């Protein structure tokens, strides 16, 4: 009997060329999981993820699904996957879902967290999991500016050049929440939306930091949104500070 299996996956993206399988020789998260599935089921099994993450970006709650003819218990599949996967990928949860479930097309919201280390000295242990910003950042100003990003808007200005981009691409997205929290030397930016454009979260983060450091004037977010042109937004924050936290269906 054919089954549809949903996986919730955690990974350290440091040593991967992103999520999506690529040409031979490039290590990717999808490629490693498909390799493990081949070991378990003795045949090629296509894994479909909820979305791509770039090289260096992490995930705590990436979701993917695959279809297979097998009577193997779910717990046994999960154990076998984790036994065959490298240490920087873990299958946290596994579930049987209806055959029409699709990890990408059924997504309702995604939540990302961006972590900034805001102090003069960097961190040796956390260098792969945060963006080190040595100059002070005005968090209160960040919060005020971030309010302009809430709601259904055209985020074309915050989208990096995408190889799959066409002029007709829909760049309207809904950001449901954007919270900024300061704890000790860390700034955490959590953003939830119905979907995100290529490098959108990182570009929003880089732009907010520039505003918080006085490199862009207050009120910039409203103006950048109105321009609908990437050239008016700030720089793109580094990938290692970004983590895909949760996906809801």
Protein backbone atom coordinates (compact mmCIF):
# COMPACT_ATOMS: atom_id res chain seq x y z
CA UNK A 1 0.00 0.00 0.00
CA UNK A 2 1.30 3.42 -0.94
CA UNK A 3 1.84 5.78 1.98
CA UNK A 4 2.66 9.47 2.25
CA UNK A 5 5.17 10.17 5.01
CA UNK A 6 5.77 13.62 6.48
CA UNK A 7 9.09 14.46 8.14
CA UNK A 8 9.98 17.36 10.42
CA UNK A 9 13.69 17.95 10.07
CA UNK A 10 16.37 19.83 12.00
CA UNK A 11 19.73 20.60 10.43
CA UNK A 12 22.89 22.63 10.84
CA UNK A 13 23.28 24.25 7.43
CA UNK A 14 26.95 25.19 7.85
CA UNK A 15 28.42 22.49 5.64
CA UNK A 16 25.60 22.23 3.10
CA UNK A 17 25.12 23.91 -0.26
CA UNK A 18 21.54 24.56 0.78
CA UNK A 19 18.48 22.30 0.87
CA UNK A 20 17.86 21.55 -2.79
CA UNK A 21 19.64 18.68 -4.50
CA UNK A 22 22.25 19.89 -6.99
CA UNK A 23 24.88 18.58 -9.36
CA UNK A 24 27.08 15.72 -8.20
CA UNK A 25 29.70 16.84 -5.72
CA UNK A 26 27.51 19.39 -3.93
CA UNK A 27 26.42 18.33 -0.46
CA UNK A 28 22.76 19.23 0.19
CA UNK A 29 20.21 18.37 2.87
CA UNK A 30 17.74 16.89 0.38
CA UNK A 31 20.52 14.85 -1.20
CA UNK A 32 21.63 13.37 2.13
CA UNK A 33 18.08 12.41 3.13
CA UNK A 34 17.34 10.85 -0.26
CA UNK A 35 20.58 8.86 0.10
CA UNK A 36 19.39 7.59 3.49
CA UNK A 37 15.96 6.68 2.05
CA UNK A 38 17.67 4.71 -0.70
CA UNK A 39 19.61 2.77 1.94
CA UNK A 40 16.41 1.94 3.82
CA UNK A 41 14.01 1.14 0.97
CA UNK A 42 16.62 -0.09 -1.58
CA UNK A 43 15.29 2.19 -4.31
CA UNK A 44 15.28 5.88 -5.25
CA UNK A 45 12.68 7.84 -3.29
CA UNK A 46 11.90 11.47 -4.11
CA UNK A 47 11.76 13.83 -1.17
CA UNK A 48 9.75 17.06 -1.52
CA UNK A 49 10.54 19.89 0.87
CA UNK A 50 8.39 22.80 2.00
CA UNK A 51 10.93 25.19 0.51
CA UNK A 52 14.58 25.84 -0.17
CA UNK A 53 17.09 27.14 2.34
CA UNK A 54 20.35 28.62 1.11
CA UNK A 55 23.88 27.52 1.88
CA UNK A 56 24.67 28.17 5.56
CA UNK A 57 21.02 28.61 6.61
CA UNK A 58 19.75 26.32 9.38
CA UNK A 59 16.42 24.70 10.20
CA UNK A 60 14.70 23.47 13.33
CA UNK A 61 11.34 22.76 11.68
CA UNK A 62 11.84 22.10 7.96
CA UNK A 63 9.09 19.85 6.58
CA UNK A 64 9.28 17.36 3.72
CA UNK A 65 7.28 14.39 2.46
CA UNK A 66 7.87 11.27 0.42
CA UNK A 67 5.67 8.47 -0.90
CA UNK A 68 6.60 4.84 -0.50
CA UNK A 69 5.18 1.31 -0.73
CA UNK A 70 6.20 -0.11 2.64
CA UNK A 71 4.68 -1.61 5.78
CA UNK A 72 7.56 -0.49 7.98
CA UNK A 73 6.45 1.17 11.22
CA UNK A 74 6.86 4.94 11.36
CA UNK A 75 9.08 4.78 14.45
CA UNK A 76 11.29 2.26 12.69
CA UNK A 77 11.60 4.51 9.62
CA UNK A 78 12.56 7.44 11.84
CA UNK A 79 15.19 5.37 13.68
CA UNK A 80 16.59 4.06 10.41
CA UNK A 81 16.77 7.54 8.90
CA UNK A 82 18.60 9.00 11.89
CA UNK A 83 20.97 6.02 11.91
CA UNK A 84 21.82 6.59 8.23
CA UNK A 85 21.94 10.39 8.28
CA UNK A 86 25.05 12.45 9.12
CA UNK A 87 25.15 14.18 12.50
CA UNK A 88 24.15 17.56 11.12
CA UNK A 89 20.68 16.30 10.08
CA UNK A 90 18.05 14.87 12.45
CA UNK A 91 14.48 13.75 11.72
CA UNK A 92 12.67 15.15 14.76
CA UNK A 93 9.16 13.93 13.93
CA UNK A 94 7.50 11.56 11.50
CA UNK A 95 3.81 11.13 10.59
CA UNK A 96 1.59 9.40 8.06
CA UNK A 97 -0.45 11.97 6.14
CA UNK A 98 -3.14 11.77 3.43
CA UNK A 99 -1.89 11.03 -0.07
CA UNK A 100 -2.89 14.53 -1.21
CA UNK A 101 -0.70 16.24 1.42
CA UNK A 102 2.07 18.28 -0.19
CA UNK A 103 4.86 19.78 1.93
CA UNK A 104 5.25 22.79 -0.36
CA UNK A 105 1.79 23.59 -1.68
CA UNK A 106 -0.19 23.08 1.56
CA UNK A 107 1.85 25.52 3.67
CA UNK A 108 -0.16 28.13 5.59
CA UNK A 109 2.65 29.92 7.44
CA UNK A 110 6.40 29.77 7.90
CA UNK A 111 8.33 31.24 10.81
CA UNK A 112 11.98 32.24 10.61
CA UNK A 113 14.30 33.49 13.32
CA UNK A 114 17.31 35.67 12.63
CA UNK A 115 19.94 35.86 15.40
CA UNK A 116 22.32 38.80 15.73
CA UNK A 117 25.24 38.98 18.15
CA UNK A 118 25.51 42.69 18.94
CA UNK A 119 28.77 43.31 20.81
CA UNK A 120 32.34 44.22 19.90
CA UNK A 121 33.88 40.75 20.24
CA UNK A 122 32.68 37.84 18.08
CA UNK A 123 31.91 34.32 19.37
CA UNK A 124 34.08 31.35 18.46
CA UNK A 125 31.42 28.80 19.43
CA UNK A 126 28.41 30.57 17.88
CA UNK A 127 30.04 32.01 14.76
CA UNK A 128 28.06 29.64 12.49
CA UNK A 129 24.70 30.43 14.14
CA UNK A 130 24.54 34.22 14.30
CA UNK A 131 25.54 37.38 12.47
CA UNK A 132 28.16 39.32 14.40
CA UNK A 133 27.31 43.05 14.30
CA UNK A 134 29.87 44.91 16.45
CA UNK A 135 28.42 48.45 16.30
CA UNK A 136 25.43 49.24 18.59
CA UNK A 137 21.93 48.77 17.17
CA UNK A 138 18.93 50.81 18.35
CA UNK A 139 16.40 48.04 19.01
CA UNK A 140 13.54 50.44 19.83
CA UNK A 141 13.97 52.03 16.39
CA UNK A 142 14.02 48.58 14.76
CA UNK A 143 10.68 47.77 16.39
CA UNK A 144 9.10 50.99 15.15
CA UNK A 145 10.32 50.44 11.59
CA UNK A 146 9.28 46.77 11.61
CA UNK A 147 5.62 47.74 12.06
CA UNK A 148 5.62 48.94 8.42
CA UNK A 149 6.30 45.36 7.28
CA UNK A 150 3.20 43.83 8.87
CA UNK A 151 0.32 42.97 6.56
CA UNK A 152 -0.18 42.10 2.89
CA UNK A 153 2.30 44.08 0.83
CA UNK A 154 4.44 43.98 -2.28
CA UNK A 155 7.91 42.95 -1.06
CA UNK A 156 9.67 43.21 -4.43
CA UNK A 157 12.23 45.62 -2.92
CA UNK A 158 13.31 42.94 -0.45
CA UNK A 159 13.79 40.15 -2.98
CA UNK A 160 17.29 39.31 -4.19
CA UNK A 161 17.82 38.50 -7.86
CA UNK A 162 16.34 35.03 -8.35
CA UNK A 163 17.42 32.78 -11.26
CA UNK A 164 13.77 31.67 -11.50
CA UNK A 165 12.48 35.26 -11.48
CA UNK A 166 10.21 36.56 -14.21
CA UNK A 167 8.64 40.00 -14.58
CA UNK A 168 5.24 38.47 -13.93
CA UNK A 169 6.29 36.89 -10.61
CA UNK A 170 3.87 37.66 -7.81
CA UNK A 171 5.87 39.49 -5.14
CA UNK A 172 2.96 40.16 -2.78
CA UNK A 173 3.21 38.37 0.55
CA UNK A 174 1.53 38.61 3.94
CA UNK A 175 3.70 39.10 7.01
CA UNK A 176 1.53 38.16 9.98
CA UNK A 177 3.95 39.02 12.73
CA UNK A 178 7.45 40.41 13.19
CA UNK A 179 8.86 40.56 16.71
CA UNK A 180 12.25 41.84 17.82
CA UNK A 181 13.64 40.74 21.16
CA UNK A 182 16.88 41.75 22.91
CA UNK A 183 18.42 39.34 25.38
CA UNK A 184 21.90 40.07 26.75
CA UNK A 185 24.13 40.58 23.68
CA UNK A 186 21.69 38.95 21.26
CA UNK A 187 18.93 40.41 19.09
CA UNK A 188 16.31 37.92 17.85
CA UNK A 189 14.08 38.79 14.90
CA UNK A 190 11.13 36.39 14.46
CA UNK A 191 9.02 36.75 11.34
CA UNK A 192 5.92 34.76 10.36
CA UNK A 193 4.24 34.94 6.97
CA UNK A 194 2.38 33.02 4.31
CA UNK A 195 5.56 32.79 2.25
CA UNK A 196 8.83 34.58 1.59
CA UNK A 197 10.64 35.74 -1.52
CA UNK A 198 14.24 34.82 -2.30
CA UNK A 199 16.47 36.15 0.53
CA UNK A 200 13.57 38.33 1.75
CA UNK A 201 14.10 37.70 5.47
CA UNK A 202 17.84 38.36 5.22
CA UNK A 203 17.30 41.57 3.25
CA UNK A 204 14.69 42.80 5.74
CA UNK A 205 17.14 42.05 8.56
CA UNK A 206 20.07 43.80 6.90
CA UNK A 207 17.93 46.85 6.15
CA UNK A 208 16.59 47.07 9.72
CA UNK A 209 20.12 46.84 11.13
CA UNK A 210 21.27 49.69 8.89
CA UNK A 211 18.35 51.79 10.14
CA UNK A 212 19.12 50.82 13.76
CA UNK A 213 22.72 51.99 13.28
CA UNK A 214 21.76 55.29 11.65
CA UNK A 215 23.07 54.28 8.22
CA UNK A 216 19.58 54.64 6.77
CA UNK A 217 17.10 57.28 8.03
CA UNK A 218 14.00 56.49 10.10
CA UNK A 219 11.01 55.97 7.82
CA UNK A 220 13.10 54.11 5.25
CA UNK A 221 11.00 50.92 5.31
CA UNK A 222 7.86 52.71 4.05
CA UNK A 223 9.84 54.37 1.26
CA UNK A 224 11.61 51.14 0.25
CA UNK A 225 8.31 49.25 0.01
CA UNK A 226 6.89 52.01 -2.18
CA UNK A 227 9.85 51.90 -4.60
CA UNK A 228 9.42 48.17 -5.45
CA UNK A 229 13.11 48.06 -6.39
CA UNK A 230 15.82 46.01 -4.67
CA UNK A 231 18.38 48.80 -5.16
CA UNK A 232 16.64 50.93 -2.51
CA UNK A 233 16.77 48.29 0.28
CA UNK A 234 19.74 47.70 2.56
CA UNK A 235 22.27 44.93 2.44
CA UNK A 236 21.50 41.22 2.75
CA UNK A 237 22.32 39.82 6.19
CA UNK A 238 24.65 36.82 6.35
CA UNK A 239 23.10 33.35 5.99
CA UNK A 240 24.37 31.77 9.22
CA UNK A 241 22.07 33.86 11.43
CA UNK A 242 18.91 32.52 9.79
CA UNK A 243 16.92 29.51 10.97
CA UNK A 244 13.63 28.09 9.67
CA UNK A 245 11.81 27.57 12.96
CA UNK A 246 8.34 26.27 12.12
CA UNK A 247 5.93 25.52 9.29
CA UNK A 248 2.18 25.26 9.80
CA UNK A 249 -0.39 23.55 7.55
